[in-house]
Amino acid sequence: MESNAIDVIIEDLFHVVRLIHKKLLRGGLEGAQKDISRPHFAIMTRLDELEASPVSEIGKRLLIPKPQMTHLVDKLIRLGLVERLPDTQDRRIINIALSDKGKITLQKCRKSVRNNMRKKLSCLKDEELEELSVSLRKIRDIGSKLG
């Protein structure tokens, strides 16, 4: 495939990500917890997948700079949604993990986001929903092949 075609794909991917955030995710968190922003939600989701992890590792995976991560995590700690835990193998490392309250809040946030997405997608015709489903499955399959 020529370089120009790859550039077009990259632009399309950026556009799709912006559309998903703007059209499907916006407004979904407010119904669950007004203090949680999308970056907070992303951190909590990553912690749910990784269990306890250093702040720097989560920031690296989410492409969030360390100063911003510190600010975001401090707020999550103040809200009682995450907690600091010493690393069992290296005392210099402090991990963060979802608290029990954080796990419950994350479930509520996910439910709210899903309900919001369901509401927004319900305006599509059955054929459009099927086409979207097939396209997303194809993107997921191709994405799993990427290194």
Foldseek 3Di string as FASTA:
>chain_A
DDPVVVVVVVVVVVVVVVCCCVQQQPPLQCVQDVVDDPVLLQLLVVLVVVPWDFLVVSCVVVVHDPVVSVVSVVVCVVVVQKDWDADPVDRVTITIHGDPVNVVSSVSSVVSSVVSNCVSCVVDDPVVVVVVVVVVVVVVVVVVPDD
